[in-house]
Amino acid sequence: MSVVQTVARPFNAVVDALLRSPRLRGLVQGRMTVLTYTGRRSGREVRLPVGYERGGPERVLVRVGLPYRKTWWRNFTGDGHPVTVLLDGRERVGHGVVVRDAGRVTVDVTLEP
């Protein structure tokens, strides 16, 4: 495990707890969310706090910073992959697909109504 992964683990736990807290989620709500998905190769459930923006009422865009140093987004390449997104204290089911543009990587999540 790298130093970054070691430091990220407690940070991720704090962000996850904030987003689930009715009283404290306003501190990060609207900027951060938690993606939950099953790793394609590992088969393990992954919970990952990420920054996001809304692309419409049923769409969430997750821009991947430094994508060449991260691998999680590769679960959403090709036809994409099912994902759950925590929004406004509610788990929303959707389907994420990677979009690449000029070296940038975005996971475009379409939410089920």
N, C-alpha and C. Protein backbone atom coordinates (compact mmCIF):
# COMPACT_ATOMS: atom_id res chain seq x y z
N MET A 1 0.86 -1.17 0.00
CA MET A 1 0.00 0.00 0.00
C MET A 1 0.90 1.23 0.00
N SER A 2 0.58 2.21 -0.85
CA SER A 2 1.39 3.42 -0.95
C SER A 2 1.07 4.38 0.20
N VAL A 3 1.92 5.37 0.37
CA VAL A 3 1.71 6.39 1.40
C VAL A 3 0.40 7.13 1.14
N VAL A 4 0.13 7.43 -0.13
CA VAL A 4 -1.11 8.14 -0.48
C VAL A 4 -2.33 7.32 -0.08
N GLN A 5 -2.30 6.02 -0.35
CA GLN A 5 -3.42 5.15 0.02
C GLN A 5 -3.58 5.09 1.54
N THR A 6 -2.47 5.06 2.26
CA THR A 6 -2.51 5.01 3.72
C THR A 6 -3.14 6.28 4.29
N VAL A 7 -2.79 7.43 3.72
CA VAL A 7 -3.35 8.70 4.18
C VAL A 7 -4.81 8.85 3.74
N ALA A 8 -5.12 8.36 2.54
CA ALA A 8 -6.47 8.51 2.00
C ALA A 8 -7.51 7.72 2.78
N ARG A 9 -7.15 6.60 3.34
CA ARG A 9 -8.12 5.74 4.03
C ARG A 9 -8.85 6.47 5.16
N PRO A 10 -8.16 7.13 6.11
CA PRO A 10 -8.90 7.84 7.16
C PRO A 10 -9.67 9.06 6.62
N PHE A 11 -9.11 9.75 5.63
CA PHE A 11 -9.80 10.88 5.01
C PHE A 11 -11.12 10.40 4.40
N ASN A 12 -11.07 9.30 3.65
CA ASN A 12 -12.27 8.75 3.02
C ASN A 12 -13.32 8.38 4.06
N ALA A 13 -12.88 7.82 5.18
CA ALA A 13 -13.82 7.44 6.24
C ALA A 13 -14.51 8.67 6.83
N VAL A 14 -13.77 9.76 7.00
CA VAL A 14 -14.34 10.99 7.55
C VAL A 14 -15.37 11.58 6.57
N VAL A 15 -15.02 11.66 5.29
CA VAL A 15 -15.94 12.21 4.29
C VAL A 15 -17.20 11.35 4.22
N ASP A 16 -17.04 10.03 4.23
CA ASP A 16 -18.19 9.11 4.20
C ASP A 16 -19.10 9.37 5.40
N ALA A 17 -18.52 9.50 6.59
CA ALA A 17 -19.32 9.75 7.80
C ALA A 17 -20.04 11.10 7.72
N LEU A 18 -19.35 12.13 7.23
CA LEU A 18 -19.99 13.45 7.08
C LEU A 18 -21.19 13.39 6.15
N LEU A 19 -21.04 12.70 5.02
CA LEU A 19 -22.12 12.62 4.04
C LEU A 19 -23.32 11.83 4.56
N ARG A 20 -23.09 10.94 5.51
CA ARG A 20 -24.19 10.14 6.06
C ARG A 20 -24.85 10.80 7.26
N SER A 21 -24.23 11.84 7.79
CA SER A 21 -24.76 12.52 8.96
C SER A 21 -25.78 13.59 8.55
N PRO A 22 -27.03 13.49 9.01
CA PRO A 22 -28.03 14.49 8.66
C PRO A 22 -27.63 15.90 9.08
N ARG A 23 -26.93 16.03 10.21
CA ARG A 23 -26.55 17.34 10.72
C ARG A 23 -25.31 17.92 10.04
N LEU A 24 -24.38 17.06 9.65
CA LEU A 24 -23.08 17.55 9.17
C LEU A 24 -22.88 17.45 7.66
N ARG A 25 -23.77 16.79 6.96
CA ARG A 25 -23.54 16.58 5.52
C ARG A 25 -23.49 17.89 4.73
N GLY A 26 -24.08 18.95 5.24
CA GLY A 26 -24.04 20.24 4.56
C GLY A 26 -22.63 20.78 4.38
N LEU A 27 -21.68 20.29 5.18
CA LEU A 27 -20.29 20.74 5.07
C LEU A 27 -19.65 20.32 3.75
N VAL A 28 -20.08 19.17 3.20
CA VAL A 28 -19.47 18.66 1.97
C VAL A 28 -20.49 18.35 0.88
N GLN A 29 -21.76 18.37 1.23
CA GLN A 29 -22.82 18.05 0.27
C GLN A 29 -22.80 19.02 -0.90
N GLY A 30 -23.01 18.50 -2.09
CA GLY A 30 -23.01 19.34 -3.28
C GLY A 30 -21.65 19.38 -3.95
N ARG A 31 -20.61 18.94 -3.23
CA ARG A 31 -19.26 18.90 -3.78
C ARG A 31 -18.66 17.50 -3.73
N MET A 32 -19.04 16.75 -2.70
CA MET A 32 -18.50 15.40 -2.50
C MET A 32 -19.65 14.39 -2.45
N THR A 33 -19.35 13.19 -2.91
CA THR A 33 -20.29 12.10 -2.81
C THR A 33 -19.51 10.82 -2.58
N VAL A 34 -20.21 9.74 -2.34
CA VAL A 34 -19.56 8.43 -2.19
C VAL A 34 -20.07 7.53 -3.30
N LEU A 35 -19.14 7.02 -4.10
CA LEU A 35 -19.48 6.01 -5.11
C LEU A 35 -19.31 4.65 -4.46
N THR A 36 -20.27 3.77 -4.69
CA THR A 36 -20.15 2.39 -4.23
C THR A 36 -20.33 1.50 -5.45
N TYR A 37 -19.36 0.63 -5.67
CA TYR A 37 -19.42 -0.27 -6.81
C TYR A 37 -18.67 -1.55 -6.47
N THR A 38 -18.89 -2.58 -7.28
CA THR A 38 -18.18 -3.84 -7.11
C THR A 38 -17.04 -3.86 -8.10
N GLY A 39 -15.83 -4.09 -7.60
CA GLY A 39 -14.67 -4.15 -8.49
C GLY A 39 -14.83 -5.27 -9.50
N ARG A 40 -14.57 -4.96 -10.76
CA ARG A 40 -14.74 -5.96 -11.81
C ARG A 40 -13.84 -7.16 -11.62
N ARG A 41 -12.60 -6.92 -11.26
CA ARG A 41 -11.65 -8.02 -11.11
C ARG A 41 -11.65 -8.62 -9.71
N SER A 42 -11.73 -7.76 -8.70
CA SER A 42 -11.64 -8.25 -7.32
C SER A 42 -12.96 -8.82 -6.82
N GLY A 43 -14.08 -8.31 -7.35
CA GLY A 43 -15.38 -8.73 -6.86
C GLY A 43 -15.73 -8.12 -5.51
N ARG A 44 -14.88 -7.24 -5.00
CA ARG A 44 -15.10 -6.61 -3.69
C ARG A 44 -15.89 -5.32 -3.84
N GLU A 45 -16.67 -5.01 -2.80
CA GLU A 45 -17.38 -3.74 -2.78
C GLU A 45 -16.40 -2.63 -2.44
N VAL A 46 -16.46 -1.56 -3.21
CA VAL A 46 -15.59 -0.40 -3.01
C VAL A 46 -16.46 0.81 -2.69
N ARG A 47 -16.09 1.54 -1.63
CA ARG A 47 -16.76 2.80 -1.28
C ARG A 47 -15.72 3.88 -1.40
N LEU A 48 -15.97 4.84 -2.29
CA LEU A 48 -14.95 5.83 -2.61
C LEU A 48 -15.53 7.24 -2.61
N PRO A 49 -15.11 8.10 -1.67
CA PRO A 49 -15.54 9.50 -1.72
C PRO A 49 -14.88 10.20 -2.91
N VAL A 50 -15.66 10.96 -3.65
CA VAL A 50 -15.16 11.66 -4.83
C VAL A 50 -15.83 13.02 -4.93
N GLY A 51 -15.16 13.94 -5.61
CA GLY A 51 -15.78 15.21 -5.96
C GLY A 51 -16.67 14.99 -7.17
N TYR A 52 -17.73 15.77 -7.27
CA TYR A 52 -18.65 15.59 -8.40
C TYR A 52 -19.33 16.90 -8.74
N GLU A 53 -20.01 16.90 -9.87
CA GLU A 53 -20.92 17.98 -10.22
C GLU A 53 -22.14 17.36 -10.88
N ARG A 54 -23.25 18.05 -10.78
CA ARG A 54 -24.47 17.55 -11.39
C ARG A 54 -24.47 17.93 -12.86
N GLY A 55 -24.84 16.98 -13.71
CA GLY A 55 -24.96 17.24 -15.14
C GLY A 55 -26.42 17.30 -15.55
N GLY A 56 -27.31 17.39 -14.58
CA GLY A 56 -28.75 17.38 -14.79
C GLY A 56 -29.38 16.64 -13.64
N PRO A 57 -30.72 16.54 -13.62
CA PRO A 57 -31.39 15.90 -12.48
C PRO A 57 -31.06 14.42 -12.32
N GLU A 58 -30.75 13.74 -13.41
CA GLU A 58 -30.47 12.31 -13.34
C GLU A 58 -29.05 11.99 -13.83
N ARG A 59 -28.14 12.96 -13.64
CA ARG A 59 -26.78 12.76 -14.15
C ARG A 59 -25.76 13.35 -13.18
N VAL A 60 -24.70 12.59 -12.92
CA VAL A 60 -23.61 13.01 -12.05
C VAL A 60 -22.30 12.83 -12.83
N LEU A 61 -21.43 13.86 -12.78
CA LEU A 61 -20.14 13.79 -13.46
C LEU A 61 -19.03 13.79 -12.42
N VAL A 62 -18.17 12.77 -12.50
CA VAL A 62 -17.04 12.65 -11.59
C VAL A 62 -15.78 12.82 -12.42
N ARG A 63 -15.12 13.95 -12.25
CA ARG A 63 -13.86 14.20 -12.97
C ARG A 63 -12.73 13.55 -12.18
N VAL A 64 -11.95 12.74 -12.87
CA VAL A 64 -10.87 12.00 -12.21
C VAL A 64 -9.59 12.83 -12.29
N GLY A 65 -9.13 13.31 -11.17
CA GLY A 65 -7.87 14.05 -11.13
C GLY A 65 -6.70 13.08 -11.20
N LEU A 66 -5.69 13.42 -11.96
CA LEU A 66 -4.50 12.58 -12.15
C LEU A 66 -4.87 11.13 -12.50
N PRO A 67 -5.63 10.93 -13.57
CA PRO A 67 -6.11 9.58 -13.90
C PRO A 67 -5.01 8.57 -14.17
N TYR A 68 -3.83 9.04 -14.58
CA TYR A 68 -2.73 8.12 -14.84
C TYR A 68 -2.17 7.52 -13.55
N ARG A 69 -2.52 8.11 -12.40
CA ARG A 69 -2.05 7.60 -11.12
C ARG A 69 -3.12 6.80 -10.37
N LYS A 70 -4.30 6.71 -10.95
CA LYS A 70 -5.42 6.03 -10.29
C LYS A 70 -5.95 4.91 -11.18
N THR A 71 -6.53 3.92 -10.56
CA THR A 71 -7.04 2.79 -11.34
C THR A 71 -8.53 2.56 -11.16
N TRP A 72 -9.15 3.13 -10.12
CA TRP A 72 -10.54 2.82 -9.81
C TRP A 72 -11.47 3.09 -10.98
N TRP A 73 -11.23 4.15 -11.73
CA TRP A 73 -12.12 4.57 -12.81
C TRP A 73 -12.16 3.55 -13.94
N ARG A 74 -11.17 2.70 -14.03
CA ARG A 74 -11.13 1.70 -15.11
C ARG A 74 -12.25 0.67 -14.98
N ASN A 75 -12.88 0.60 -13.81
CA ASN A 75 -14.04 -0.27 -13.66
C ASN A 75 -15.21 0.19 -14.52
N PHE A 76 -15.17 1.44 -15.00
CA PHE A 76 -16.28 2.02 -15.74
C PHE A 76 -15.98 2.20 -17.23
N THR A 77 -14.91 1.57 -17.72
CA THR A 77 -14.57 1.66 -19.14
C THR A 77 -15.49 0.74 -19.96
N GLY A 78 -15.40 0.87 -21.27
CA GLY A 78 -16.23 0.05 -22.16
C GLY A 78 -17.70 0.41 -22.02
N ASP A 79 -18.52 -0.60 -21.77
CA ASP A 79 -19.97 -0.39 -21.62
C ASP A 79 -20.34 0.19 -20.26
N GLY A 80 -19.36 0.39 -19.39
CA GLY A 80 -19.64 0.95 -18.08
C GLY A 80 -19.91 -0.11 -17.04
N HIS A 81 -20.40 0.36 -15.88
CA HIS A 81 -20.56 -0.54 -14.74
C HIS A 81 -21.61 0.05 -13.80
N PRO A 82 -22.39 -0.80 -13.13
CA PRO A 82 -23.36 -0.29 -12.15
C PRO A 82 -22.65 0.41 -10.99
N VAL A 83 -23.30 1.43 -10.45
CA VAL A 83 -22.74 2.20 -9.34
C VAL A 83 -23.88 2.75 -8.50
N THR A 84 -23.60 2.96 -7.22
CA THR A 84 -24.53 3.64 -6.34
C THR A 84 -23.87 4.94 -5.91
N VAL A 85 -24.64 6.02 -5.91
CA VAL A 85 -24.14 7.34 -5.57
C VAL A 85 -24.94 7.88 -4.38
N LEU A 86 -24.25 8.38 -3.37
CA LEU A 86 -24.91 8.96 -2.20
C LEU A 86 -25.17 10.45 -2.47
N LEU A 87 -26.44 10.81 -2.62
CA LEU A 87 -26.83 12.20 -2.90
C LEU A 87 -27.91 12.63 -1.92
N ASP A 88 -27.70 13.75 -1.27
CA ASP A 88 -28.68 14.30 -0.32
C ASP A 88 -29.09 13.27 0.73
N GLY A 89 -28.11 12.47 1.18
CA GLY A 89 -28.37 11.47 2.21
C GLY A 89 -29.05 10.21 1.71
N ARG A 90 -29.27 10.10 0.40
CA ARG A 90 -29.96 8.94 -0.20
C ARG A 90 -29.05 8.22 -1.17
N GLU A 91 -29.10 6.91 -1.15
CA GLU A 91 -28.37 6.10 -2.12
C GLU A 91 -29.17 6.08 -3.42
N ARG A 92 -28.52 6.45 -4.53
CA ARG A 92 -29.15 6.42 -5.85
C ARG A 92 -28.40 5.45 -6.74
N VAL A 93 -29.12 4.57 -7.39
CA VAL A 93 -28.53 3.57 -8.28
C VAL A 93 -28.36 4.17 -9.66
N GLY A 94 -27.25 3.82 -10.31
CA GLY A 94 -27.02 4.34 -11.65
C GLY A 94 -26.04 3.47 -12.41
N HIS A 95 -25.62 4.00 -13.55
CA HIS A 95 -24.68 3.30 -14.42
C HIS A 95 -23.61 4.31 -14.85
N GLY A 96 -22.35 4.00 -14.54
CA GLY A 96 -21.26 4.90 -14.86
C GLY A 96 -20.48 4.44 -16.08
N VAL A 97 -20.10 5.40 -16.92
CA VAL A 97 -19.33 5.13 -18.12
C VAL A 97 -18.20 6.15 -18.20
N VAL A 98 -16.99 5.69 -18.51
CA VAL A 98 -15.85 6.58 -18.66
C VAL A 98 -15.93 7.34 -19.97
N VAL A 99 -15.66 8.65 -19.89
CA VAL A 99 -15.56 9.50 -21.08
C VAL A 99 -14.16 10.11 -21.03
N ARG A 100 -13.41 9.92 -22.10
CA ARG A 100 -12.05 10.49 -22.18
C ARG A 100 -12.06 11.63 -23.20
N ASP A 101 -11.41 12.74 -22.82
CA ASP A 101 -11.35 13.89 -23.71
C ASP A 101 -10.04 14.64 -23.45
N ALA A 102 -9.16 14.63 -24.43
CA ALA A 102 -7.90 15.38 -24.37
C ALA A 102 -7.13 15.10 -23.08
N GLY A 103 -6.99 13.83 -22.74
CA GLY A 103 -6.24 13.45 -21.54
C GLY A 103 -7.02 13.52 -20.25
N ARG A 104 -8.23 14.06 -20.30
CA ARG A 104 -9.08 14.11 -19.11
C ARG A 104 -9.95 12.87 -19.06
N VAL A 105 -10.27 12.46 -17.85
CA VAL A 105 -11.14 11.30 -17.65
C VAL A 105 -12.29 11.72 -16.75
N THR A 106 -13.51 11.41 -17.19
CA THR A 106 -14.72 11.68 -16.42
C THR A 106 -15.55 10.41 -16.37
N VAL A 107 -16.08 10.10 -15.19
CA VAL A 107 -17.06 9.02 -15.08
C VAL A 107 -18.43 9.69 -15.11
N ASP A 108 -19.17 9.41 -16.17
CA ASP A 108 -20.50 9.98 -16.40
C ASP A 108 -21.52 8.98 -15.88
N VAL A 109 -22.21 9.34 -14.81
CA VAL A 109 -23.18 8.44 -14.16
C VAL A 109 -24.60 8.87 -14.50
N THR A 110 -25.36 7.98 -15.12
CA THR A 110 -26.78 8.19 -15.35
C THR A 110 -27.54 7.49 -14.25
N LEU A 111 -28.33 8.25 -13.50
CA LEU A 111 -29.08 7.71 -12.37
C LEU A 111 -30.43 7.17 -12.79
N GLU A 112 -30.87 6.12 -12.12
CA GLU A 112 -32.22 5.61 -12.36
C GLU A 112 -33.19 6.56 -11.71
N PRO A 113 -34.37 6.76 -12.32
CA PRO A 113 -35.36 7.67 -11.73
C PRO A 113 -35.91 7.16 -10.41
